[in-house]
N, C-alpha and C. Protein backbone atom coordinates (compact mmCIF):
# COMPACT_ATOMS: atom_id res chain seq x y z
N MET A 1 0.84 -1.18 0.00
CA MET A 1 0.00 0.00 0.00
C MET A 1 0.89 1.24 0.00
N GLU A 2 0.56 2.17 -0.84
CA GLU A 2 1.30 3.43 -0.93
C GLU A 2 1.04 4.30 0.29
N LYS A 3 2.11 4.88 0.83
CA LYS A 3 1.97 5.81 1.94
C LYS A 3 1.51 7.15 1.39
N LYS A 4 0.47 7.72 1.99
CA LYS A 4 0.00 9.02 1.50
C LYS A 4 -0.83 9.73 2.56
N LEU A 5 -0.95 11.05 2.37
CA LEU A 5 -1.87 11.86 3.15
C LEU A 5 -3.10 12.07 2.29
N THR A 6 -4.27 11.93 2.87
CA THR A 6 -5.51 12.05 2.11
C THR A 6 -6.60 12.65 3.00
N THR A 7 -7.69 13.02 2.39
CA THR A 7 -8.86 13.48 3.14
C THR A 7 -10.01 12.48 3.03
N SER A 8 -9.75 11.36 2.38
CA SER A 8 -10.76 10.34 2.15
C SER A 8 -10.96 9.48 3.40
N LEU A 9 -12.21 9.37 3.85
CA LEU A 9 -12.55 8.59 5.03
C LEU A 9 -13.32 7.33 4.67
N SER A 10 -12.96 6.24 5.31
CA SER A 10 -13.68 4.98 5.12
C SER A 10 -14.77 4.85 6.19
N GLU A 11 -15.61 3.84 6.05
CA GLU A 11 -16.61 3.58 7.08
C GLU A 11 -15.94 3.26 8.42
N ALA A 12 -14.84 2.52 8.37
CA ALA A 12 -14.10 2.21 9.60
C ALA A 12 -13.56 3.48 10.24
N ASP A 13 -13.08 4.43 9.41
CA ASP A 13 -12.60 5.71 9.93
C ASP A 13 -13.72 6.46 10.65
N LEU A 14 -14.89 6.49 10.05
CA LEU A 14 -16.02 7.21 10.64
C LEU A 14 -16.43 6.60 11.98
N LYS A 15 -16.41 5.29 12.07
CA LYS A 15 -16.72 4.61 13.33
C LYS A 15 -15.68 4.96 14.39
N LEU A 16 -14.42 4.99 13.99
CA LEU A 16 -13.34 5.30 14.92
C LEU A 16 -13.40 6.76 15.36
N ILE A 17 -13.76 7.65 14.46
CA ILE A 17 -13.93 9.07 14.80
C ILE A 17 -15.02 9.23 15.86
N GLU A 18 -16.12 8.52 15.70
CA GLU A 18 -17.19 8.60 16.70
C GLU A 18 -16.71 8.16 18.07
N ALA A 19 -15.89 7.12 18.10
CA ALA A 19 -15.33 6.67 19.38
C ALA A 19 -14.38 7.72 19.96
N ALA A 20 -13.59 8.36 19.11
CA ALA A 20 -12.68 9.42 19.57
C ALA A 20 -13.47 10.61 20.11
N LYS A 21 -14.58 10.94 19.46
CA LYS A 21 -15.42 12.04 19.93
C LYS A 21 -16.00 11.72 21.31
N GLN A 22 -16.42 10.48 21.52
CA GLN A 22 -16.91 10.07 22.83
C GLN A 22 -15.80 10.18 23.87
N ALA A 23 -14.60 9.78 23.49
CA ALA A 23 -13.46 9.83 24.42
C ALA A 23 -13.14 11.27 24.81
N ALA A 24 -13.26 12.20 23.88
CA ALA A 24 -12.95 13.61 24.18
C ALA A 24 -13.83 14.13 25.32
N LEU A 25 -15.02 13.59 25.45
CA LEU A 25 -15.93 14.01 26.51
C LEU A 25 -15.43 13.60 27.89
N THR A 26 -14.49 12.67 27.96
CA THR A 26 -13.97 12.20 29.25
C THR A 26 -12.64 12.85 29.61
N ALA A 27 -12.17 13.78 28.79
CA ALA A 27 -10.88 14.43 29.05
C ALA A 27 -10.92 15.21 30.37
N TYR A 28 -9.77 15.25 31.01
CA TYR A 28 -9.61 16.09 32.20
C TYR A 28 -8.67 17.22 31.79
N ALA A 29 -9.24 18.37 31.48
CA ALA A 29 -8.46 19.49 30.92
C ALA A 29 -8.84 20.81 31.59
N PRO A 30 -8.69 20.91 32.92
CA PRO A 30 -9.10 22.14 33.60
C PRO A 30 -8.19 23.34 33.33
N TYR A 31 -6.99 23.09 32.83
CA TYR A 31 -6.03 24.18 32.61
C TYR A 31 -6.06 24.70 31.18
N SER A 32 -6.07 23.80 30.21
CA SER A 32 -6.06 24.23 28.81
C SER A 32 -7.46 24.39 28.23
N GLN A 33 -8.44 23.71 28.81
CA GLN A 33 -9.79 23.65 28.25
C GLN A 33 -9.79 23.04 26.85
N PHE A 34 -8.76 22.26 26.54
CA PHE A 34 -8.58 21.63 25.23
C PHE A 34 -8.77 20.13 25.44
N HIS A 35 -9.95 19.64 25.07
CA HIS A 35 -10.33 18.25 25.31
C HIS A 35 -10.02 17.42 24.07
N VAL A 36 -9.17 16.44 24.23
CA VAL A 36 -8.76 15.60 23.11
C VAL A 36 -9.18 14.17 23.37
N GLY A 37 -9.69 13.53 22.33
CA GLY A 37 -10.06 12.12 22.40
C GLY A 37 -9.33 11.34 21.33
N ALA A 38 -9.01 10.11 21.65
CA ALA A 38 -8.38 9.22 20.67
C ALA A 38 -9.03 7.85 20.78
N ALA A 39 -9.11 7.18 19.66
CA ALA A 39 -9.63 5.82 19.63
C ALA A 39 -8.71 4.99 18.74
N VAL A 40 -8.30 3.85 19.26
CA VAL A 40 -7.38 2.96 18.56
C VAL A 40 -8.13 1.71 18.13
N LEU A 41 -8.01 1.39 16.85
CA LEU A 41 -8.57 0.15 16.32
C LEU A 41 -7.47 -0.91 16.33
N LEU A 42 -7.74 -2.02 17.01
CA LEU A 42 -6.79 -3.13 17.05
C LEU A 42 -7.09 -4.10 15.91
N SER A 43 -6.12 -4.92 15.58
CA SER A 43 -6.28 -5.83 14.43
C SER A 43 -7.41 -6.84 14.62
N ASP A 44 -7.84 -7.08 15.85
CA ASP A 44 -8.94 -8.01 16.09
C ASP A 44 -10.31 -7.32 16.07
N GLY A 45 -10.33 -6.01 15.74
CA GLY A 45 -11.59 -5.27 15.65
C GLY A 45 -11.97 -4.53 16.92
N ARG A 46 -11.27 -4.77 17.99
CA ARG A 46 -11.55 -4.10 19.26
C ARG A 46 -11.14 -2.63 19.15
N ILE A 47 -11.90 -1.74 19.81
CA ILE A 47 -11.58 -0.30 19.84
C ILE A 47 -11.29 0.09 21.28
N VAL A 48 -10.16 0.76 21.47
CA VAL A 48 -9.73 1.24 22.78
C VAL A 48 -9.70 2.76 22.73
N LYS A 49 -10.27 3.40 23.76
CA LYS A 49 -10.35 4.86 23.78
C LYS A 49 -9.45 5.45 24.85
N GLY A 50 -9.06 6.72 24.63
CA GLY A 50 -8.30 7.45 25.62
C GLY A 50 -8.56 8.93 25.48
N SER A 51 -8.32 9.68 26.54
CA SER A 51 -8.49 11.13 26.50
C SER A 51 -7.33 11.78 27.22
N ASN A 52 -7.09 13.06 26.92
CA ASN A 52 -5.99 13.75 27.59
C ASN A 52 -6.30 13.94 29.07
N GLN A 53 -5.24 13.87 29.87
CA GLN A 53 -5.36 13.98 31.32
C GLN A 53 -4.32 14.99 31.78
N GLU A 54 -4.79 16.15 32.22
CA GLU A 54 -3.88 17.22 32.63
C GLU A 54 -3.55 17.13 34.12
N ASN A 55 -2.52 17.87 34.50
CA ASN A 55 -2.07 17.92 35.87
C ASN A 55 -1.38 19.24 36.09
N LYS A 56 -1.47 19.80 37.29
CA LYS A 56 -0.77 21.06 37.58
C LYS A 56 0.72 20.93 37.33
N ALA A 57 1.26 19.77 37.60
CA ALA A 57 2.66 19.49 37.26
C ALA A 57 2.67 19.10 35.79
N TYR A 58 2.93 20.08 34.92
CA TYR A 58 2.74 19.94 33.48
C TYR A 58 3.35 18.66 32.92
N GLY A 59 4.53 18.29 33.38
CA GLY A 59 5.19 17.09 32.87
C GLY A 59 4.43 15.81 33.16
N SER A 60 3.48 15.87 34.05
CA SER A 60 2.67 14.70 34.40
C SER A 60 1.45 14.55 33.50
N CYS A 61 1.22 15.52 32.62
CA CYS A 61 0.09 15.44 31.69
C CYS A 61 0.33 14.32 30.67
N VAL A 62 -0.76 13.73 30.20
CA VAL A 62 -0.65 12.67 29.20
C VAL A 62 -1.67 12.95 28.09
N CYS A 63 -1.19 12.87 26.86
CA CYS A 63 -2.05 13.10 25.68
C CYS A 63 -2.99 11.92 25.46
N ALA A 64 -4.10 12.20 24.81
CA ALA A 64 -5.11 11.18 24.52
C ALA A 64 -4.54 10.03 23.70
N GLU A 65 -3.70 10.36 22.72
CA GLU A 65 -3.15 9.33 21.85
C GLU A 65 -2.33 8.32 22.64
N ARG A 66 -1.48 8.84 23.54
CA ARG A 66 -0.65 7.93 24.34
C ARG A 66 -1.49 7.15 25.34
N VAL A 67 -2.50 7.77 25.93
CA VAL A 67 -3.38 7.04 26.84
C VAL A 67 -3.98 5.84 26.11
N ALA A 68 -4.53 6.07 24.93
CA ALA A 68 -5.18 5.00 24.18
C ALA A 68 -4.19 3.94 23.71
N LEU A 69 -3.09 4.36 23.12
CA LEU A 69 -2.10 3.40 22.60
C LEU A 69 -1.47 2.56 23.71
N LEU A 70 -1.10 3.20 24.80
CA LEU A 70 -0.44 2.47 25.87
C LEU A 70 -1.41 1.57 26.62
N TYR A 71 -2.65 2.00 26.77
CA TYR A 71 -3.67 1.13 27.36
C TYR A 71 -3.85 -0.10 26.48
N ALA A 72 -3.92 0.14 25.17
CA ALA A 72 -4.13 -0.98 24.24
C ALA A 72 -3.01 -2.00 24.35
N THR A 73 -1.76 -1.54 24.34
CA THR A 73 -0.66 -2.51 24.37
C THR A 73 -0.46 -3.11 25.76
N ALA A 74 -0.83 -2.38 26.82
CA ALA A 74 -0.73 -2.94 28.17
C ALA A 74 -1.76 -4.05 28.39
N ASN A 75 -2.92 -3.90 27.77
CA ASN A 75 -4.00 -4.87 27.98
C ASN A 75 -4.13 -5.92 26.89
N TYR A 76 -3.64 -5.62 25.70
CA TYR A 76 -3.74 -6.55 24.56
C TYR A 76 -2.36 -6.59 23.88
N ALA A 77 -1.37 -7.05 24.61
CA ALA A 77 0.04 -6.93 24.24
C ALA A 77 0.41 -7.57 22.91
N THR A 78 -0.33 -8.54 22.45
CA THR A 78 0.03 -9.21 21.20
C THR A 78 -0.87 -8.80 20.03
N THR A 79 -1.75 -7.84 20.26
CA THR A 79 -2.70 -7.42 19.22
C THR A 79 -2.28 -6.07 18.66
N PRO A 80 -1.84 -6.01 17.40
CA PRO A 80 -1.35 -4.75 16.85
C PRO A 80 -2.43 -3.69 16.66
N PRO A 81 -2.09 -2.44 16.96
CA PRO A 81 -2.98 -1.33 16.58
C PRO A 81 -2.83 -1.10 15.08
N VAL A 82 -3.95 -0.90 14.40
CA VAL A 82 -3.90 -0.68 12.95
C VAL A 82 -4.35 0.71 12.55
N SER A 83 -5.06 1.40 13.46
CA SER A 83 -5.56 2.73 13.13
C SER A 83 -5.83 3.49 14.42
N ILE A 84 -5.72 4.83 14.33
CA ILE A 84 -6.06 5.68 15.46
C ILE A 84 -6.78 6.91 14.92
N ALA A 85 -7.84 7.31 15.60
CA ALA A 85 -8.54 8.55 15.26
C ALA A 85 -8.35 9.53 16.41
N ILE A 86 -8.19 10.81 16.06
CA ILE A 86 -7.94 11.86 17.04
C ILE A 86 -8.88 13.02 16.76
N CYS A 87 -9.47 13.57 17.82
CA CYS A 87 -10.29 14.77 17.67
C CYS A 87 -10.11 15.64 18.90
N ALA A 88 -10.45 16.90 18.77
CA ALA A 88 -10.34 17.82 19.90
C ALA A 88 -11.54 18.75 19.93
N MET A 89 -11.80 19.27 21.12
CA MET A 89 -12.91 20.21 21.28
C MET A 89 -12.55 21.26 22.32
N GLN A 90 -13.14 22.44 22.13
CA GLN A 90 -13.07 23.53 23.10
C GLN A 90 -14.46 24.13 23.19
N ASN A 91 -14.83 24.55 24.39
CA ASN A 91 -16.15 25.15 24.60
C ASN A 91 -17.27 24.27 24.07
N ASN A 92 -17.15 22.97 24.30
CA ASN A 92 -18.15 21.97 23.87
C ASN A 92 -18.37 21.92 22.38
N THR A 93 -17.37 22.37 21.61
CA THR A 93 -17.46 22.35 20.15
C THR A 93 -16.23 21.66 19.57
N TYR A 94 -16.46 20.70 18.69
CA TYR A 94 -15.33 20.04 18.05
C TYR A 94 -14.62 21.02 17.14
N MET A 95 -13.31 20.90 17.05
CA MET A 95 -12.49 21.82 16.27
C MET A 95 -12.81 21.70 14.78
N ALA A 96 -12.82 22.82 14.10
CA ALA A 96 -13.09 22.83 12.66
C ALA A 96 -11.95 22.20 11.86
N GLN A 97 -10.73 22.46 12.29
CA GLN A 97 -9.56 21.91 11.60
C GLN A 97 -9.05 20.69 12.35
N PRO A 98 -8.50 19.73 11.64
CA PRO A 98 -7.98 18.54 12.31
C PRO A 98 -6.81 18.88 13.22
N VAL A 99 -6.72 18.15 14.32
CA VAL A 99 -5.57 18.28 15.22
C VAL A 99 -4.61 17.14 14.91
N THR A 100 -3.32 17.45 15.02
CA THR A 100 -2.31 16.44 14.76
C THR A 100 -1.63 16.04 16.07
N PRO A 101 -1.09 14.83 16.12
CA PRO A 101 -0.41 14.40 17.34
C PRO A 101 0.84 15.24 17.61
N CYS A 102 1.16 15.42 18.89
CA CYS A 102 2.39 16.11 19.26
C CYS A 102 3.59 15.23 18.92
N GLY A 103 4.77 15.75 19.08
CA GLY A 103 5.99 15.00 18.76
C GLY A 103 6.14 13.73 19.57
N GLU A 104 5.84 13.80 20.88
CA GLU A 104 5.94 12.60 21.72
C GLU A 104 4.98 11.52 21.24
N CYS A 105 3.76 11.91 20.90
CA CYS A 105 2.78 10.93 20.42
C CYS A 105 3.18 10.36 19.06
N ARG A 106 3.77 11.19 18.22
CA ARG A 106 4.25 10.69 16.93
C ARG A 106 5.33 9.63 17.14
N GLN A 107 6.22 9.86 18.10
CA GLN A 107 7.26 8.88 18.36
C GLN A 107 6.67 7.58 18.93
N VAL A 108 5.67 7.69 19.79
CA VAL A 108 5.01 6.49 20.32
C VAL A 108 4.33 5.73 19.19
N LEU A 109 3.69 6.44 18.28
CA LEU A 109 3.08 5.78 17.11
C LEU A 109 4.13 5.02 16.30
N MET A 110 5.29 5.65 16.10
CA MET A 110 6.36 4.99 15.35
C MET A 110 6.89 3.77 16.09
N GLU A 111 6.99 3.87 17.41
CA GLU A 111 7.43 2.72 18.20
C GLU A 111 6.46 1.55 18.04
N MET A 112 5.16 1.86 18.03
CA MET A 112 4.15 0.82 17.86
C MET A 112 4.26 0.19 16.47
N GLN A 113 4.46 1.00 15.46
CA GLN A 113 4.62 0.47 14.10
C GLN A 113 5.82 -0.46 14.03
N THR A 114 6.91 -0.04 14.63
CA THR A 114 8.13 -0.86 14.61
C THR A 114 7.92 -2.14 15.41
N ARG A 115 7.34 -2.01 16.58
CA ARG A 115 7.11 -3.16 17.45
C ARG A 115 6.29 -4.24 16.77
N PHE A 116 5.21 -3.83 16.10
CA PHE A 116 4.29 -4.79 15.51
C PHE A 116 4.51 -5.01 14.01
N GLN A 117 5.43 -4.22 13.42
CA GLN A 117 5.69 -4.33 11.99
C GLN A 117 4.41 -4.20 11.17
N THR A 118 3.57 -3.24 11.61
CA THR A 118 2.28 -2.98 10.96
C THR A 118 2.08 -1.48 10.85
N PRO A 119 1.79 -0.96 9.66
CA PRO A 119 1.52 0.48 9.55
C PRO A 119 0.29 0.86 10.36
N ILE A 120 0.34 2.05 10.95
CA ILE A 120 -0.81 2.57 11.69
C ILE A 120 -1.40 3.74 10.92
N ARG A 121 -2.66 3.63 10.57
CA ARG A 121 -3.40 4.69 9.89
C ARG A 121 -3.77 5.73 10.93
N VAL A 122 -3.49 7.00 10.66
CA VAL A 122 -3.76 8.07 11.61
C VAL A 122 -4.83 8.99 11.02
N VAL A 123 -6.00 9.03 11.66
CA VAL A 123 -7.14 9.81 11.20
C VAL A 123 -7.27 11.03 12.12
N MET A 124 -7.10 12.21 11.57
CA MET A 124 -7.16 13.45 12.34
C MET A 124 -8.43 14.19 11.93
N TYR A 125 -9.37 14.29 12.88
CA TYR A 125 -10.71 14.78 12.59
C TYR A 125 -10.85 16.29 12.81
N GLY A 126 -11.57 16.92 11.90
CA GLY A 126 -12.03 18.29 12.04
C GLY A 126 -13.41 18.37 11.43
N THR A 127 -14.26 19.26 11.93
CA THR A 127 -15.63 19.32 11.40
C THR A 127 -15.67 19.82 9.97
N GLU A 128 -14.70 20.66 9.57
CA GLU A 128 -14.66 21.15 8.19
C GLU A 128 -14.01 20.15 7.24
N HIS A 129 -13.00 19.47 7.72
CA HIS A 129 -12.36 18.41 6.93
C HIS A 129 -11.48 17.58 7.86
N SER A 130 -11.17 16.40 7.43
CA SER A 130 -10.29 15.51 8.18
C SER A 130 -9.07 15.20 7.33
N LEU A 131 -8.03 14.73 7.97
CA LEU A 131 -6.79 14.40 7.30
C LEU A 131 -6.40 12.99 7.73
N VAL A 132 -5.95 12.17 6.77
CA VAL A 132 -5.58 10.80 7.07
C VAL A 132 -4.17 10.54 6.56
N ALA A 133 -3.33 10.03 7.45
CA ALA A 133 -2.00 9.53 7.07
C ALA A 133 -2.12 8.01 7.04
N THR A 134 -1.84 7.41 5.90
CA THR A 134 -1.99 5.96 5.78
C THR A 134 -0.91 5.20 6.52
N ASP A 135 0.10 5.91 7.00
CA ASP A 135 1.22 5.31 7.74
C ASP A 135 1.76 6.39 8.66
N ALA A 136 1.95 6.06 9.93
CA ALA A 136 2.40 7.06 10.91
C ALA A 136 3.76 7.67 10.55
N SER A 137 4.55 6.99 9.76
CA SER A 137 5.88 7.52 9.40
C SER A 137 5.76 8.79 8.58
N LEU A 138 4.60 9.04 7.98
CA LEU A 138 4.40 10.30 7.25
C LEU A 138 4.39 11.49 8.20
N LEU A 139 4.06 11.26 9.47
CA LEU A 139 4.01 12.33 10.45
C LEU A 139 5.34 12.55 11.15
N LEU A 140 6.24 11.57 11.06
CA LEU A 140 7.53 11.67 11.72
C LEU A 140 8.58 10.93 10.89
N PRO A 141 8.95 11.55 9.77
CA PRO A 141 9.86 10.84 8.84
C PRO A 141 11.25 10.59 9.39
N ALA A 142 11.68 11.32 10.40
CA ALA A 142 13.03 11.13 10.95
C ALA A 142 12.95 10.64 12.40
N SER A 143 12.18 9.59 12.62
CA SER A 143 12.00 9.08 13.98
C SER A 143 13.27 8.38 14.44
N PHE A 144 13.31 8.08 15.76
CA PHE A 144 14.44 7.36 16.33
C PHE A 144 14.50 5.97 15.75
């Protein structure tokens, strides 16, 4: 499969976006008011959700993507993640433009791809349009 960035969404992407939107509602973001949700599709069809969790000690904050990915591998260690959807909201409104993973989350995505030798599709949702990377390496071409 060719690696590419696209705006084309599949039915599976739409289902994963809905799960990410539900996850955003569980975010703990009293400082930024920026609620992020992520949903990871595992190769067995299971969906794992995560949301950002803030803390006054900024370094203790955890992004939604890492919450979902690390929960998935901690609980289903032999089941590869094949796709992740990410969305964000402020003031109870989903963002118009897609949000992209931070650098730390991009590196975790790359670690997962390397660990499982399976590309991870990254779906970044916005109400005006969404963006899809068919392989996480498109988001971090010079990873460790």
